[in-house]
Amino acid sequence: MVDTETYTVEAPNGDVEEIELPAGLVDVFTEQGESPTVVVGDLLIQSFAQQAHGVVHHSQGETPADLEALNEKMEALFEERFGVSLGEAMGHSH
Protein backbone atom coordinates (compact mmCIF):
# COMPACT_ATOMS: atom_id res chain seq x y z
CA MET A 1 0.00 0.00 0.00
CA VAL A 2 1.27 3.48 -0.89
CA ASP A 3 1.32 6.20 1.73
CA THR A 4 0.10 9.70 0.95
CA GLU A 5 1.43 13.17 1.61
CA THR A 6 -0.72 16.25 2.04
CA TYR A 7 -0.30 19.66 0.41
CA THR A 8 -2.35 22.64 1.50
CA VAL A 9 -3.78 25.34 -0.73
CA GLU A 10 -5.08 28.54 0.86
CA ALA A 11 -7.41 30.95 -0.94
CA PRO A 12 -7.24 34.73 -0.56
CA ASN A 13 -10.44 34.57 1.53
CA GLY A 14 -8.81 32.13 3.97
CA ASP A 15 -10.50 28.94 2.75
CA VAL A 16 -8.12 26.00 2.95
CA GLU A 17 -8.10 22.80 0.90
CA GLU A 18 -5.87 19.86 1.71
CA ILE A 19 -4.84 17.73 -1.24
CA GLU A 20 -3.54 14.22 -0.73
CA LEU A 21 -1.15 12.79 -3.28
CA PRO A 22 0.62 9.44 -3.32
CA ALA A 23 3.90 9.80 -1.44
CA GLY A 24 6.74 10.03 -3.92
CA LEU A 25 4.64 11.10 -6.90
CA VAL A 26 5.73 14.73 -6.66
CA ASP A 27 9.35 13.53 -6.58
CA VAL A 28 8.84 12.02 -10.04
CA PHE A 29 8.44 15.57 -11.40
CA THR A 30 11.04 17.25 -9.18
CA GLU A 31 14.41 18.23 -10.62
CA GLN A 32 17.53 18.19 -8.46
CA GLY A 33 17.43 20.93 -5.86
CA GLU A 34 13.82 21.82 -6.59
CA SER A 35 11.29 22.04 -3.77
CA PRO A 36 8.32 19.66 -3.92
CA THR A 37 6.08 22.63 -3.13
CA VAL A 38 7.35 24.45 -6.24
CA VAL A 39 6.53 21.38 -8.32
CA VAL A 40 2.98 21.27 -6.97
CA GLY A 41 2.66 24.99 -7.75
CA ASP A 42 4.02 24.43 -11.26
CA LEU A 43 1.45 21.72 -11.91
CA LEU A 44 -1.36 23.94 -10.64
CA ILE A 45 -0.26 26.75 -12.99
CA GLN A 46 0.01 24.31 -15.90
CA SER A 47 -3.40 22.81 -15.21
CA PHE A 48 -5.20 26.14 -14.91
CA ALA A 49 -3.48 27.45 -18.05
CA GLN A 50 -4.48 24.38 -20.06
CA GLN A 51 -8.04 24.40 -18.75
CA ALA A 52 -8.50 28.13 -19.42
CA HIS A 53 -7.08 27.67 -22.91
CA GLY A 54 -9.50 24.83 -23.58
CA VAL A 55 -12.52 26.80 -22.39
CA VAL A 56 -11.63 29.87 -24.45
CA HIS A 57 -10.31 28.26 -27.62
CA HIS A 58 -11.97 24.87 -27.88
CA SER A 59 -15.50 25.30 -26.51
CA GLN A 60 -18.65 25.56 -28.57
CA GLY A 61 -20.19 29.00 -28.98
CA GLU A 62 -18.98 32.49 -28.23
CA THR A 63 -16.58 33.05 -25.33
CA PRO A 64 -17.49 35.83 -22.90
CA ALA A 65 -14.97 38.69 -22.81
CA ASP A 66 -14.25 38.18 -19.13
CA LEU A 67 -13.14 34.59 -19.81
CA GLU A 68 -10.90 35.77 -22.63
CA ALA A 69 -9.31 38.30 -20.25
CA LEU A 70 -8.83 35.62 -17.58
CA ASN A 71 -7.20 33.33 -20.14
CA GLU A 72 -4.87 36.09 -21.33
CA LYS A 73 -3.78 36.79 -17.75
CA MET A 74 -3.31 33.07 -17.09
CA GLU A 75 -1.15 32.76 -20.20
CA ALA A 76 0.94 35.73 -19.03
CA LEU A 77 1.37 34.15 -15.58
CA PHE A 78 2.36 30.87 -17.23
CA GLU A 79 5.00 32.59 -19.36
CA GLU A 80 6.29 34.56 -16.36
CA ARG A 81 6.73 31.36 -14.36
CA PHE A 82 8.17 29.10 -17.06
CA GLY A 83 9.87 31.51 -19.46
CA VAL A 84 7.99 30.20 -22.51
CA SER A 85 4.55 30.94 -23.85
CA LEU A 86 1.75 28.45 -23.31
CA GLY A 87 1.55 28.01 -27.08
CA GLU A 88 5.24 27.07 -27.22
CA ALA A 89 4.89 24.68 -24.29
CA MET A 90 1.81 23.01 -25.79
CA GLY A 91 3.17 22.98 -29.32
CA HIS A 92 0.21 24.89 -30.68
CA SER A 93 -1.22 28.38 -30.63
CA HIS A 94 -4.16 30.38 -31.90
C-alpha atoms as a PDB file:
ATOM      1  CA  MET A   1       0.000   0.000   0.000  1.00  0.00           C
ATOM      2  CA  VAL A   2       1.270   3.478  -0.894  1.00  0.00           C
ATOM      3  CA  ASP A   3       1.319   6.200   1.728  1.00  0.00           C
ATOM      4  CA  THR A   4       0.102   9.696   0.950  1.00  0.00           C
ATOM      5  CA  GLU A   5       1.428  13.170   1.607  1.00  0.00           C
ATOM      6  CA  THR A   6      -0.721  16.253   2.044  1.00  0.00           C
ATOM      7  CA  TYR A   7      -0.297  19.655   0.412  1.00  0.00           C
ATOM      8  CA  THR A   8      -2.345  22.642   1.504  1.00  0.00           C
ATOM      9  CA  VAL A   9      -3.782  25.341  -0.735  1.00  0.00           C
ATOM     10  CA  GLU A  10      -5.080  28.542   0.865  1.00  0.00           C
ATOM     11  CA  ALA A  11      -7.405  30.949  -0.940  1.00  0.00           C
ATOM     12  CA  PRO A  12      -7.236  34.730  -0.557  1.00  0.00           C
ATOM     13  CA  ASN A  13     -10.435  34.571   1.533  1.00  0.00           C
ATOM     14  CA  GLY A  14      -8.805  32.127   3.971  1.00  0.00           C
ATOM     15  CA  ASP A  15     -10.498  28.941   2.748  1.00  0.00           C
ATOM     16  CA  VAL A  16      -8.117  26.003   2.948  1.00  0.00           C
ATOM     17  CA  GLU A  17      -8.101  22.805   0.897  1.00  0.00           C
ATOM     18  CA  GLU A  18      -5.873  19.861   1.713  1.00  0.00           C
ATOM     19  CA  ILE A  19      -4.843  17.732  -1.239  1.00  0.00           C
ATOM     20  CA  GLU A  20      -3.540  14.217  -0.731  1.00  0.00           C
ATOM     21  CA  LEU A  21      -1.147  12.791  -3.281  1.00  0.00           C
ATOM     22  CA  PRO A  22       0.618   9.443  -3.321  1.00  0.00           C
ATOM     23  CA  ALA A  23       3.900   9.801  -1.436  1.00  0.00           C
ATOM     24  CA  GLY A  24       6.744  10.031  -3.921  1.00  0.00           C
ATOM     25  CA  LEU A  25       4.641  11.100  -6.899  1.00  0.00           C
ATOM     26  CA  VAL A  26       5.733  14.731  -6.656  1.00  0.00           C
ATOM     27  CA  ASP A  27       9.349  13.528  -6.582  1.00  0.00           C
ATOM     28  CA  VAL A  28       8.843  12.022 -10.044  1.00  0.00           C
ATOM     29  CA  PHE A  29       8.438  15.567 -11.400  1.00  0.00           C
ATOM     30  CA  THR A  30      11.042  17.255  -9.181  1.00  0.00           C
ATOM     31  CA  GLU A  31      14.407  18.233 -10.615  1.00  0.00           C
ATOM     32  CA  GLN A  32      17.528  18.188  -8.457  1.00  0.00           C
ATOM     33  CA  GLY A  33      17.435  20.934  -5.855  1.00  0.00           C
ATOM     34  CA  GLU A  34      13.820  21.821  -6.585  1.00  0.00           C
ATOM     35  CA  SER A  35      11.292  22.042  -3.774  1.00  0.00           C
ATOM     36  CA  PRO A  36       8.320  19.658  -3.922  1.00  0.00           C
ATOM     37  CA  THR A  37       6.078  22.632  -3.131  1.00  0.00           C
ATOM     38  CA  VAL A  38       7.347  24.453  -6.237  1.00  0.00           C
ATOM     39  CA  VAL A  39       6.530  21.379  -8.324  1.00  0.00           C
ATOM     40  CA  VAL A  40       2.978  21.268  -6.972  1.00  0.00           C
ATOM     41  CA  GLY A  41       2.655  24.992  -7.755  1.00  0.00           C
ATOM     42  CA  ASP A  42       4.020  24.428 -11.259  1.00  0.00           C
ATOM     43  CA  LEU A  43       1.450  21.724 -11.906  1.00  0.00           C
ATOM     44  CA  LEU A  44      -1.364  23.940 -10.644  1.00  0.00           C
ATOM     45  CA  ILE A  45      -0.265  26.747 -12.990  1.00  0.00           C
ATOM     46  CA  GLN A  46       0.015  24.308 -15.904  1.00  0.00           C
ATOM     47  CA  SER A  47      -3.397  22.805 -15.205  1.00  0.00           C
ATOM     48  CA  PHE A  48      -5.198  26.139 -14.910  1.00  0.00           C
ATOM     49  CA  ALA A  49      -3.483  27.454 -18.046  1.00  0.00           C
ATOM     50  CA  GLN A  50      -4.475  24.378 -20.058  1.00  0.00           C
ATOM     51  CA  GLN A  51      -8.041  24.401 -18.746  1.00  0.00           C
ATOM     52  CA  ALA A  52      -8.500  28.130 -19.425  1.00  0.00           C
ATOM     53  CA  HIS A  53      -7.075  27.668 -22.911  1.00  0.00           C
ATOM     54  CA  GLY A  54      -9.495  24.832 -23.578  1.00  0.00           C
ATOM     55  CA  VAL A  55     -12.523  26.800 -22.391  1.00  0.00           C
ATOM     56  CA  VAL A  56     -11.634  29.872 -24.447  1.00  0.00           C
ATOM     57  CA  HIS A  57     -10.315  28.258 -27.623  1.00  0.00           C
ATOM     58  CA  HIS A  58     -11.967  24.869 -27.881  1.00  0.00           C
ATOM     59  CA  SER A  59     -15.500  25.297 -26.514  1.00  0.00           C
ATOM     60  CA  GLN A  60     -18.648  25.560 -28.570  1.00  0.00           C
ATOM     61  CA  GLY A  61     -20.187  29.004 -28.981  1.00  0.00           C
ATOM     62  CA  GLU A  62     -18.976  32.487 -28.233  1.00  0.00           C
ATOM     63  CA  THR A  63     -16.585  33.051 -25.335  1.00  0.00           C
ATOM     64  CA  PRO A  64     -17.491  35.829 -22.899  1.00  0.00           C
ATOM     65  CA  ALA A  65     -14.967  38.694 -22.814  1.00  0.00           C
ATOM     66  CA  ASP A  66     -14.250  38.176 -19.128  1.00  0.00           C
ATOM     67  CA  LEU A  67     -13.137  34.587 -19.808  1.00  0.00           C
ATOM     68  CA  GLU A  68     -10.899  35.773 -22.626  1.00  0.00           C
ATOM     69  CA  ALA A  69      -9.315  38.297 -20.245  1.00  0.00           C
ATOM     70  CA  LEU A  70      -8.827  35.617 -17.579  1.00  0.00           C
ATOM     71  CA  ASN A  71      -7.201  33.329 -20.135  1.00  0.00           C
ATOM     72  CA  GLU A  72      -4.869  36.093 -21.329  1.00  0.00           C
ATOM     73  CA  LYS A  73      -3.782  36.785 -17.755  1.00  0.00           C
ATOM     74  CA  MET A  74      -3.310  33.066 -17.087  1.00  0.00           C
ATOM     75  CA  GLU A  75      -1.153  32.761 -20.203  1.00  0.00           C
ATOM     76  CA  ALA A  76       0.940  35.727 -19.025  1.00  0.00           C
ATOM     77  CA  LEU A  77       1.368  34.151 -15.580  1.00  0.00           C
ATOM     78  CA  PHE A  78       2.363  30.867 -17.234  1.00  0.00           C
ATOM     79  CA  GLU A  79       5.000  32.592 -19.361  1.00  0.00           C
ATOM     80  CA  GLU A  80       6.285  34.556 -16.363  1.00  0.00           C
ATOM     81  CA  ARG A  81       6.730  31.361 -14.361  1.00  0.00           C
ATOM     82  CA  PHE A  82       8.170  29.097 -17.061  1.00  0.00           C
ATOM     83  CA  GLY A  83       9.875  31.510 -19.462  1.00  0.00           C
ATOM     84  CA  VAL A  84       7.988  30.205 -22.510  1.00  0.00           C
ATOM     85  CA  SER A  85       4.547  30.939 -23.850  1.00  0.00           C
ATOM     86  CA  LEU A  86       1.747  28.454 -23.306  1.00  0.00           C
ATOM     87  CA  GLY A  87       1.546  28.008 -27.078  1.00  0.00           C
ATOM     88  CA  GLU A  88       5.235  27.071 -27.220  1.00  0.00           C
ATOM     89  CA  ALA A  89       4.889  24.683 -24.286  1.00  0.00           C
ATOM     90  CA  MET A  90       1.814  23.010 -25.792  1.00  0.00           C
ATOM     91  CA  GLY A  91       3.175  22.981 -29.316  1.00  0.00           C
ATOM     92  CA  HIS A  92       0.208  24.889 -30.676  1.00  0.00           C
ATOM     93  CA  SER A  93      -1.221  28.381 -30.630  1.00  0.00           C
ATOM     94  CA  HIS A  94      -4.162  30.385 -31.904  1.00  0.00           C
END
